N, C-alpha and C. Protein backbone atom coordinates (compact mmCIF):
# COMPACT_ATOMS: atom_id res chain seq x y z
N MET A 1 -30.97 11.02 -46.54
CA MET A 1 -30.12 10.51 -47.60
C MET A 1 -29.03 11.53 -47.90
N SER A 2 -27.87 11.02 -48.10
CA SER A 2 -26.74 11.86 -48.46
C SER A 2 -25.88 11.08 -49.43
N ASN A 3 -25.73 11.61 -50.64
CA ASN A 3 -24.95 10.93 -51.68
C ASN A 3 -25.46 9.52 -51.93
N GLY A 4 -26.75 9.34 -51.85
CA GLY A 4 -27.34 8.04 -52.11
C GLY A 4 -27.27 7.07 -50.94
N HIS A 5 -26.75 7.51 -49.79
CA HIS A 5 -26.64 6.65 -48.64
C HIS A 5 -27.51 7.18 -47.52
N TYR A 6 -28.15 6.28 -46.81
CA TYR A 6 -28.97 6.67 -45.66
C TYR A 6 -28.04 7.08 -44.51
N VAL A 7 -28.33 8.22 -43.94
CA VAL A 7 -27.55 8.68 -42.80
C VAL A 7 -28.44 8.59 -41.57
N HIS A 8 -28.02 7.78 -40.63
CA HIS A 8 -28.77 7.61 -39.39
C HIS A 8 -28.27 8.62 -38.38
N GLU A 9 -29.18 9.47 -37.92
CA GLU A 9 -28.81 10.44 -36.89
C GLU A 9 -29.21 9.89 -35.54
N VAL A 10 -28.25 9.84 -34.64
CA VAL A 10 -28.50 9.32 -33.31
C VAL A 10 -29.15 10.42 -32.47
N ASN A 11 -30.16 10.03 -31.73
CA ASN A 11 -30.90 10.97 -30.89
C ASN A 11 -29.97 11.63 -29.87
N PRO A 12 -30.04 12.96 -29.74
CA PRO A 12 -29.15 13.65 -28.78
C PRO A 12 -29.37 13.23 -27.33
N TYR A 13 -30.59 12.87 -26.95
CA TYR A 13 -30.83 12.38 -25.59
C TYR A 13 -30.05 11.08 -25.35
N TYR A 14 -30.07 10.23 -26.35
CA TYR A 14 -29.35 8.96 -26.25
C TYR A 14 -27.85 9.21 -26.14
N LEU A 15 -27.33 10.10 -26.97
CA LEU A 15 -25.90 10.41 -26.93
C LEU A 15 -25.49 11.01 -25.58
N GLN A 16 -26.31 11.90 -25.05
CA GLN A 16 -26.03 12.51 -23.75
C GLN A 16 -26.01 11.46 -22.65
N ALA A 17 -26.99 10.60 -22.65
CA ALA A 17 -27.07 9.55 -21.63
C ALA A 17 -25.85 8.64 -21.70
N ARG A 18 -25.50 8.21 -22.89
CA ARG A 18 -24.35 7.32 -23.05
C ARG A 18 -23.06 8.00 -22.59
N SER A 19 -22.91 9.27 -22.89
CA SER A 19 -21.74 10.02 -22.47
C SER A 19 -21.67 10.10 -20.94
N GLU A 20 -22.79 10.43 -20.31
CA GLU A 20 -22.83 10.49 -18.85
C GLU A 20 -22.53 9.14 -18.23
N HIS A 21 -23.05 8.08 -18.82
CA HIS A 21 -22.81 6.75 -18.28
C HIS A 21 -21.33 6.37 -18.40
N ARG A 22 -20.68 6.76 -19.50
CA ARG A 22 -19.24 6.50 -19.63
C ARG A 22 -18.46 7.27 -18.58
N ASP A 23 -18.85 8.53 -18.33
CA ASP A 23 -18.17 9.34 -17.30
C ASP A 23 -18.36 8.72 -15.91
N LEU A 24 -19.56 8.26 -15.62
CA LEU A 24 -19.82 7.62 -14.32
C LEU A 24 -19.00 6.34 -14.19
N HIS A 25 -18.93 5.58 -15.25
CA HIS A 25 -18.16 4.34 -15.23
C HIS A 25 -16.68 4.64 -14.96
N ALA A 26 -16.16 5.68 -15.58
CA ALA A 26 -14.75 6.06 -15.36
C ALA A 26 -14.52 6.45 -13.90
N ALA A 27 -15.46 7.19 -13.31
CA ALA A 27 -15.34 7.58 -11.91
C ALA A 27 -15.40 6.35 -11.00
N ILE A 28 -16.27 5.42 -11.31
CA ILE A 28 -16.38 4.17 -10.55
C ILE A 28 -15.06 3.41 -10.62
N GLU A 29 -14.49 3.32 -11.79
CA GLU A 29 -13.24 2.58 -11.97
C GLU A 29 -12.06 3.25 -11.26
N ARG A 30 -12.02 4.59 -11.22
CA ARG A 30 -10.95 5.28 -10.49
C ARG A 30 -10.97 4.89 -9.01
N ILE A 31 -12.16 4.86 -8.44
CA ILE A 31 -12.29 4.51 -7.02
C ILE A 31 -11.92 3.04 -6.82
N ARG A 32 -12.42 2.19 -7.68
CA ARG A 32 -12.13 0.75 -7.56
C ARG A 32 -10.62 0.51 -7.66
N SER A 33 -9.98 1.18 -8.59
CA SER A 33 -8.54 1.04 -8.76
C SER A 33 -7.78 1.48 -7.52
N LYS A 34 -8.18 2.60 -6.94
CA LYS A 34 -7.53 3.10 -5.72
C LYS A 34 -7.74 2.12 -4.57
N LEU A 35 -8.94 1.62 -4.41
CA LEU A 35 -9.22 0.67 -3.33
C LEU A 35 -8.45 -0.63 -3.52
N ASP A 36 -8.42 -1.11 -4.76
CA ASP A 36 -7.72 -2.37 -5.04
C ASP A 36 -6.20 -2.21 -4.99
N GLY A 37 -5.71 -1.00 -5.24
CA GLY A 37 -4.28 -0.76 -5.31
C GLY A 37 -3.61 -0.53 -3.97
N THR A 38 -4.40 -0.48 -2.91
CA THR A 38 -3.85 -0.25 -1.58
C THR A 38 -4.29 -1.39 -0.66
N CYS A 39 -3.33 -2.01 0.00
CA CYS A 39 -3.65 -3.05 0.99
C CYS A 39 -4.17 -2.40 2.26
N GLU A 40 -5.01 -3.13 2.96
CA GLU A 40 -5.58 -2.60 4.20
C GLU A 40 -4.51 -2.12 5.16
N VAL A 41 -3.42 -2.90 5.28
CA VAL A 41 -2.37 -2.53 6.25
C VAL A 41 -1.65 -1.25 5.84
N ASP A 42 -1.71 -0.89 4.56
CA ASP A 42 -1.05 0.32 4.08
C ASP A 42 -1.99 1.53 4.08
N ALA A 43 -3.25 1.31 4.39
CA ALA A 43 -4.22 2.40 4.38
C ALA A 43 -3.87 3.41 5.48
N SER A 44 -3.97 4.67 5.12
CA SER A 44 -3.66 5.74 6.06
C SER A 44 -4.84 6.70 6.12
N ALA A 45 -4.76 7.63 7.04
CA ALA A 45 -5.80 8.66 7.12
C ALA A 45 -5.86 9.44 5.81
N ALA A 46 -4.72 9.67 5.19
CA ALA A 46 -4.68 10.41 3.92
C ALA A 46 -5.36 9.62 2.79
N SER A 47 -5.13 8.30 2.76
CA SER A 47 -5.77 7.50 1.71
C SER A 47 -7.27 7.41 1.93
N ILE A 48 -7.70 7.35 3.19
CA ILE A 48 -9.14 7.36 3.49
C ILE A 48 -9.73 8.70 3.05
N ALA A 49 -9.04 9.80 3.34
CA ALA A 49 -9.53 11.13 2.93
C ALA A 49 -9.65 11.22 1.42
N GLU A 50 -8.69 10.65 0.70
CA GLU A 50 -8.75 10.68 -0.77
C GLU A 50 -9.94 9.89 -1.29
N ILE A 51 -10.17 8.71 -0.72
CA ILE A 51 -11.32 7.89 -1.12
C ILE A 51 -12.62 8.61 -0.80
N ARG A 52 -12.69 9.26 0.36
CA ARG A 52 -13.90 10.02 0.71
C ARG A 52 -14.18 11.09 -0.35
N LEU A 53 -13.13 11.78 -0.79
CA LEU A 53 -13.32 12.80 -1.83
C LEU A 53 -13.81 12.18 -3.13
N LEU A 54 -13.22 11.06 -3.51
CA LEU A 54 -13.63 10.40 -4.75
C LEU A 54 -15.08 9.90 -4.67
N ILE A 55 -15.45 9.32 -3.53
CA ILE A 55 -16.83 8.83 -3.36
C ILE A 55 -17.80 10.01 -3.30
N THR A 56 -17.40 11.09 -2.64
CA THR A 56 -18.26 12.28 -2.60
C THR A 56 -18.48 12.81 -4.01
N ASP A 57 -17.41 12.87 -4.79
CA ASP A 57 -17.54 13.33 -6.18
C ASP A 57 -18.47 12.41 -6.97
N LEU A 58 -18.33 11.10 -6.82
CA LEU A 58 -19.20 10.16 -7.52
C LEU A 58 -20.64 10.33 -7.06
N ARG A 59 -20.86 10.44 -5.75
CA ARG A 59 -22.21 10.63 -5.24
C ARG A 59 -22.84 11.90 -5.82
N ASP A 60 -22.07 12.98 -5.87
CA ASP A 60 -22.59 14.24 -6.41
C ASP A 60 -22.88 14.12 -7.91
N ARG A 61 -22.03 13.42 -8.63
CA ARG A 61 -22.29 13.19 -10.07
C ARG A 61 -23.56 12.38 -10.26
N LEU A 62 -23.70 11.34 -9.44
CA LEU A 62 -24.91 10.52 -9.52
C LEU A 62 -26.15 11.35 -9.21
N ALA A 63 -26.09 12.17 -8.17
CA ALA A 63 -27.25 13.00 -7.81
C ALA A 63 -27.62 13.92 -8.96
N CYS A 64 -26.64 14.54 -9.58
CA CYS A 64 -26.90 15.43 -10.72
C CYS A 64 -27.49 14.64 -11.89
N HIS A 65 -26.89 13.50 -12.16
CA HIS A 65 -27.34 12.62 -13.25
C HIS A 65 -28.78 12.17 -13.00
N PHE A 66 -29.10 11.78 -11.78
CA PHE A 66 -30.44 11.32 -11.45
C PHE A 66 -31.45 12.46 -11.55
N ARG A 67 -31.08 13.65 -11.07
CA ARG A 67 -31.99 14.80 -11.19
C ARG A 67 -32.32 15.07 -12.65
N GLN A 68 -31.31 15.00 -13.48
CA GLN A 68 -31.52 15.25 -14.91
C GLN A 68 -32.47 14.21 -15.48
N GLU A 69 -32.31 12.97 -15.09
CA GLU A 69 -33.19 11.91 -15.59
C GLU A 69 -34.63 12.12 -15.12
N GLU A 70 -34.78 12.58 -13.90
CA GLU A 70 -36.11 12.70 -13.29
C GLU A 70 -36.84 13.96 -13.69
N LYS A 71 -36.16 14.95 -14.16
CA LYS A 71 -36.78 16.25 -14.49
C LYS A 71 -36.80 16.49 -16.00
N GLY A 72 -37.50 15.65 -16.70
CA GLY A 72 -37.68 15.86 -18.14
C GLY A 72 -36.48 15.47 -18.96
N GLY A 73 -35.69 14.56 -18.46
CA GLY A 73 -34.49 14.13 -19.17
C GLY A 73 -34.76 13.00 -20.14
N TYR A 74 -33.72 12.24 -20.39
CA TYR A 74 -33.81 11.24 -21.44
C TYR A 74 -34.68 10.04 -21.08
N LEU A 75 -34.90 9.76 -19.81
CA LEU A 75 -35.84 8.68 -19.50
C LEU A 75 -37.26 9.09 -19.88
N GLU A 76 -37.59 10.35 -19.64
CA GLU A 76 -38.91 10.84 -20.05
C GLU A 76 -39.03 10.82 -21.58
N GLU A 77 -37.99 11.25 -22.25
CA GLU A 77 -38.00 11.23 -23.72
C GLU A 77 -38.15 9.80 -24.23
N ALA A 78 -37.48 8.86 -23.56
CA ALA A 78 -37.59 7.46 -23.97
C ALA A 78 -39.01 6.95 -23.81
N THR A 79 -39.69 7.32 -22.72
CA THR A 79 -41.06 6.85 -22.51
C THR A 79 -42.04 7.52 -23.47
N ILE A 80 -41.71 8.74 -23.91
CA ILE A 80 -42.55 9.40 -24.93
C ILE A 80 -42.41 8.65 -26.25
N ARG A 81 -41.19 8.29 -26.58
CA ARG A 81 -40.94 7.59 -27.84
C ARG A 81 -41.47 6.16 -27.83
N LEU A 82 -41.39 5.50 -26.66
CA LEU A 82 -41.81 4.10 -26.56
C LEU A 82 -42.50 3.91 -25.21
N PRO A 83 -43.80 4.17 -25.14
CA PRO A 83 -44.52 4.12 -23.87
C PRO A 83 -44.41 2.80 -23.12
N GLN A 84 -44.12 1.71 -23.81
CA GLN A 84 -44.01 0.41 -23.16
C GLN A 84 -42.87 0.36 -22.14
N VAL A 85 -41.89 1.27 -22.23
CA VAL A 85 -40.76 1.24 -21.29
C VAL A 85 -41.05 2.03 -20.01
N ALA A 86 -42.22 2.64 -19.92
CA ALA A 86 -42.55 3.47 -18.75
C ALA A 86 -42.42 2.72 -17.42
N PRO A 87 -42.92 1.48 -17.30
CA PRO A 87 -42.77 0.79 -16.01
C PRO A 87 -41.29 0.55 -15.65
N GLN A 88 -40.49 0.19 -16.63
CA GLN A 88 -39.07 -0.02 -16.37
C GLN A 88 -38.38 1.30 -16.01
N ALA A 89 -38.73 2.38 -16.68
CA ALA A 89 -38.16 3.69 -16.38
C ALA A 89 -38.52 4.11 -14.95
N SER A 90 -39.76 3.87 -14.57
CA SER A 90 -40.19 4.20 -13.20
C SER A 90 -39.42 3.37 -12.18
N ALA A 91 -39.24 2.10 -12.46
CA ALA A 91 -38.49 1.23 -11.53
C ALA A 91 -37.05 1.71 -11.39
N LEU A 92 -36.45 2.12 -12.48
CA LEU A 92 -35.08 2.64 -12.43
C LEU A 92 -35.01 3.93 -11.62
N GLN A 93 -35.99 4.79 -11.80
CA GLN A 93 -36.00 6.05 -11.04
C GLN A 93 -36.16 5.79 -9.54
N ARG A 94 -36.89 4.76 -9.19
CA ARG A 94 -37.06 4.44 -7.76
C ARG A 94 -35.75 3.97 -7.13
N GLN A 95 -34.82 3.48 -7.92
CA GLN A 95 -33.53 3.04 -7.40
C GLN A 95 -32.61 4.20 -7.04
N HIS A 96 -32.88 5.38 -7.57
CA HIS A 96 -31.99 6.53 -7.37
C HIS A 96 -31.78 6.85 -5.89
N GLU A 97 -32.85 6.92 -5.14
CA GLU A 97 -32.75 7.26 -3.72
C GLU A 97 -31.94 6.21 -2.96
N GLU A 98 -32.15 4.96 -3.29
CA GLU A 98 -31.42 3.86 -2.64
C GLU A 98 -29.92 3.96 -2.95
N LEU A 99 -29.57 4.25 -4.19
CA LEU A 99 -28.16 4.35 -4.56
C LEU A 99 -27.48 5.52 -3.85
N LEU A 100 -28.16 6.66 -3.79
CA LEU A 100 -27.59 7.82 -3.11
C LEU A 100 -27.47 7.56 -1.60
N ALA A 101 -28.44 6.87 -1.03
CA ALA A 101 -28.38 6.54 0.39
C ALA A 101 -27.19 5.61 0.67
N ALA A 102 -26.93 4.67 -0.22
CA ALA A 102 -25.79 3.77 -0.04
C ALA A 102 -24.47 4.54 -0.10
N ALA A 103 -24.37 5.49 -1.02
CA ALA A 103 -23.16 6.33 -1.10
C ALA A 103 -23.00 7.13 0.19
N ASN A 104 -24.07 7.70 0.68
CA ASN A 104 -24.01 8.47 1.92
C ASN A 104 -23.64 7.60 3.12
N ALA A 105 -24.10 6.38 3.14
CA ALA A 105 -23.76 5.47 4.24
C ALA A 105 -22.27 5.14 4.22
N MET A 106 -21.71 4.92 3.03
CA MET A 106 -20.27 4.68 2.94
C MET A 106 -19.49 5.88 3.46
N LEU A 107 -19.92 7.07 3.06
CA LEU A 107 -19.23 8.29 3.49
C LEU A 107 -19.35 8.48 5.00
N TYR A 108 -20.51 8.23 5.54
CA TYR A 108 -20.72 8.37 6.98
C TYR A 108 -19.76 7.45 7.74
N HIS A 109 -19.68 6.21 7.29
CA HIS A 109 -18.80 5.25 7.94
C HIS A 109 -17.33 5.69 7.82
N ALA A 110 -16.95 6.19 6.66
CA ALA A 110 -15.57 6.62 6.44
C ALA A 110 -15.20 7.82 7.30
N TYR A 111 -16.17 8.67 7.60
CA TYR A 111 -15.92 9.83 8.45
C TYR A 111 -15.96 9.49 9.93
N SER A 112 -16.69 8.45 10.30
CA SER A 112 -16.93 8.18 11.71
C SER A 112 -15.94 7.19 12.33
N ALA A 113 -15.19 6.48 11.51
CA ALA A 113 -14.28 5.46 12.03
C ALA A 113 -12.87 6.02 12.22
N ASP A 114 -12.12 5.39 13.12
CA ASP A 114 -10.78 5.87 13.44
C ASP A 114 -9.66 5.06 12.81
N ALA A 115 -9.76 3.76 12.79
CA ALA A 115 -8.67 2.90 12.34
C ALA A 115 -8.70 2.74 10.83
N ALA A 116 -7.77 3.38 10.14
CA ALA A 116 -7.75 3.39 8.68
C ALA A 116 -7.77 2.00 8.05
N PRO A 117 -6.96 1.03 8.53
CA PRO A 117 -7.02 -0.29 7.89
C PRO A 117 -8.40 -0.94 7.96
N LEU A 118 -9.09 -0.79 9.10
CA LEU A 118 -10.44 -1.36 9.22
C LEU A 118 -11.42 -0.62 8.31
N VAL A 119 -11.31 0.69 8.28
CA VAL A 119 -12.18 1.49 7.42
C VAL A 119 -11.96 1.10 5.97
N TRP A 120 -10.69 0.94 5.59
CA TRP A 120 -10.36 0.60 4.20
C TRP A 120 -11.01 -0.72 3.81
N SER A 121 -10.89 -1.71 4.67
CA SER A 121 -11.47 -3.02 4.40
C SER A 121 -12.99 -2.92 4.25
N ASP A 122 -13.64 -2.20 5.17
CA ASP A 122 -15.09 -2.03 5.09
C ASP A 122 -15.50 -1.24 3.84
N LEU A 123 -14.75 -0.17 3.55
CA LEU A 123 -15.06 0.64 2.37
C LEU A 123 -14.93 -0.19 1.09
N LYS A 124 -13.90 -0.99 1.04
CA LYS A 124 -13.68 -1.82 -0.14
C LYS A 124 -14.85 -2.78 -0.36
N ALA A 125 -15.30 -3.43 0.72
CA ALA A 125 -16.43 -4.35 0.61
C ALA A 125 -17.72 -3.60 0.26
N ASP A 126 -17.97 -2.50 0.95
CA ASP A 126 -19.18 -1.70 0.68
C ASP A 126 -19.15 -1.15 -0.75
N TYR A 127 -17.99 -0.68 -1.15
CA TYR A 127 -17.88 -0.08 -2.48
C TYR A 127 -18.07 -1.13 -3.58
N THR A 128 -17.57 -2.32 -3.35
CA THR A 128 -17.75 -3.38 -4.34
C THR A 128 -19.24 -3.63 -4.57
N ARG A 129 -20.00 -3.75 -3.49
CA ARG A 129 -21.46 -3.96 -3.62
C ARG A 129 -22.11 -2.75 -4.30
N PHE A 130 -21.76 -1.57 -3.82
CA PHE A 130 -22.34 -0.33 -4.35
C PHE A 130 -22.05 -0.18 -5.84
N SER A 131 -20.80 -0.35 -6.24
CA SER A 131 -20.43 -0.13 -7.64
C SER A 131 -21.12 -1.14 -8.56
N LYS A 132 -21.28 -2.38 -8.08
CA LYS A 132 -21.99 -3.38 -8.89
C LYS A 132 -23.46 -2.97 -9.07
N HIS A 133 -24.06 -2.43 -8.01
CA HIS A 133 -25.45 -1.97 -8.09
C HIS A 133 -25.57 -0.80 -9.07
N VAL A 134 -24.66 0.17 -8.97
CA VAL A 134 -24.69 1.32 -9.89
C VAL A 134 -24.49 0.85 -11.33
N GLU A 135 -23.53 -0.03 -11.54
CA GLU A 135 -23.26 -0.51 -12.90
C GLU A 135 -24.44 -1.28 -13.47
N ALA A 136 -25.11 -2.09 -12.65
CA ALA A 136 -26.30 -2.81 -13.11
C ALA A 136 -27.42 -1.82 -13.44
N HIS A 137 -27.56 -0.80 -12.61
CA HIS A 137 -28.56 0.23 -12.83
C HIS A 137 -28.30 0.94 -14.17
N GLU A 138 -27.07 1.35 -14.39
CA GLU A 138 -26.72 2.07 -15.63
C GLU A 138 -26.86 1.15 -16.85
N ALA A 139 -26.51 -0.11 -16.71
CA ALA A 139 -26.67 -1.06 -17.82
C ALA A 139 -28.15 -1.23 -18.17
N ALA A 140 -29.01 -1.26 -17.16
CA ALA A 140 -30.45 -1.36 -17.41
C ALA A 140 -30.96 -0.09 -18.10
N GLU A 141 -30.44 1.06 -17.69
CA GLU A 141 -30.81 2.31 -18.37
C GLU A 141 -30.35 2.28 -19.82
N ASN A 142 -29.12 1.83 -20.05
CA ASN A 142 -28.61 1.75 -21.43
C ASN A 142 -29.49 0.85 -22.28
N ALA A 143 -29.90 -0.27 -21.74
CA ALA A 143 -30.76 -1.19 -22.48
C ALA A 143 -32.11 -0.55 -22.79
N LEU A 144 -32.68 0.13 -21.80
CA LEU A 144 -33.95 0.82 -22.01
C LEU A 144 -33.82 1.90 -23.09
N LEU A 145 -32.78 2.70 -22.99
CA LEU A 145 -32.57 3.78 -23.96
C LEU A 145 -32.30 3.23 -25.36
N SER A 146 -31.52 2.16 -25.43
CA SER A 146 -31.25 1.54 -26.73
C SER A 146 -32.55 1.08 -27.38
N ARG A 147 -33.40 0.48 -26.58
CA ARG A 147 -34.68 0.01 -27.08
C ARG A 147 -35.57 1.18 -27.51
N ALA A 148 -35.67 2.18 -26.66
CA ALA A 148 -36.56 3.31 -26.94
C ALA A 148 -36.08 4.15 -28.13
N PHE A 149 -34.78 4.32 -28.24
CA PHE A 149 -34.24 5.15 -29.32
C PHE A 149 -33.79 4.31 -30.51
N ASN A 150 -34.06 3.00 -30.42
CA ASN A 150 -33.75 2.08 -31.51
C ASN A 150 -32.28 2.19 -31.91
N GLU A 151 -31.42 2.14 -30.88
CA GLU A 151 -29.98 2.23 -31.10
C GLU A 151 -29.32 0.96 -30.60
N ASP A 152 -28.22 0.60 -31.24
CA ASP A 152 -27.42 -0.52 -30.78
C ASP A 152 -26.48 -0.02 -29.70
N SER A 153 -26.68 -0.48 -28.45
CA SER A 153 -25.86 0.02 -27.35
C SER A 153 -24.44 -0.52 -27.41
N GLY A 154 -24.20 -1.58 -28.12
CA GLY A 154 -22.87 -2.15 -28.18
C GLY A 154 -22.48 -2.73 -26.83
N LEU A 155 -21.21 -3.01 -26.67
CA LEU A 155 -20.74 -3.61 -25.43
C LEU A 155 -20.11 -2.61 -24.51
N ASP A 156 -19.86 -1.38 -24.98
CA ASP A 156 -19.23 -0.38 -24.11
C ASP A 156 -20.24 0.16 -23.13
N VAL A 157 -19.71 0.88 -22.14
CA VAL A 157 -20.58 1.46 -21.09
C VAL A 157 -21.11 2.79 -21.54
């Protein structure tokens, strides 16, 4: 209570998770924008190299984010607070390896192919699937965290 009003303090684990999810979403959108903003016929070796760097950065951010979740992070805190979410938290953690493998597969293909327009087209299709999977994964985490920390996740990422 402060000045006769209840002050709700948001859990720091929840705030950290939401912040990381917003950062990941911004990185996803930067790549999507670059892929959508260049036509296949205009794709060059330089544009492929730029996308590889952006995807590598996203993959590395995801790996760091996933390690944090798996090593005593906010998913563990959420299951301590609300044990009923443990099966969902475990299922989400099992997706981490699959998501990182998909990012690595995109990078492998981008490094191994020669014709930039073909690589661009394939990367765009692969990235669309990948980004939707990551966004669904993060949305499920947000829902789990909102439930466990009794917070309104709102409509933002």
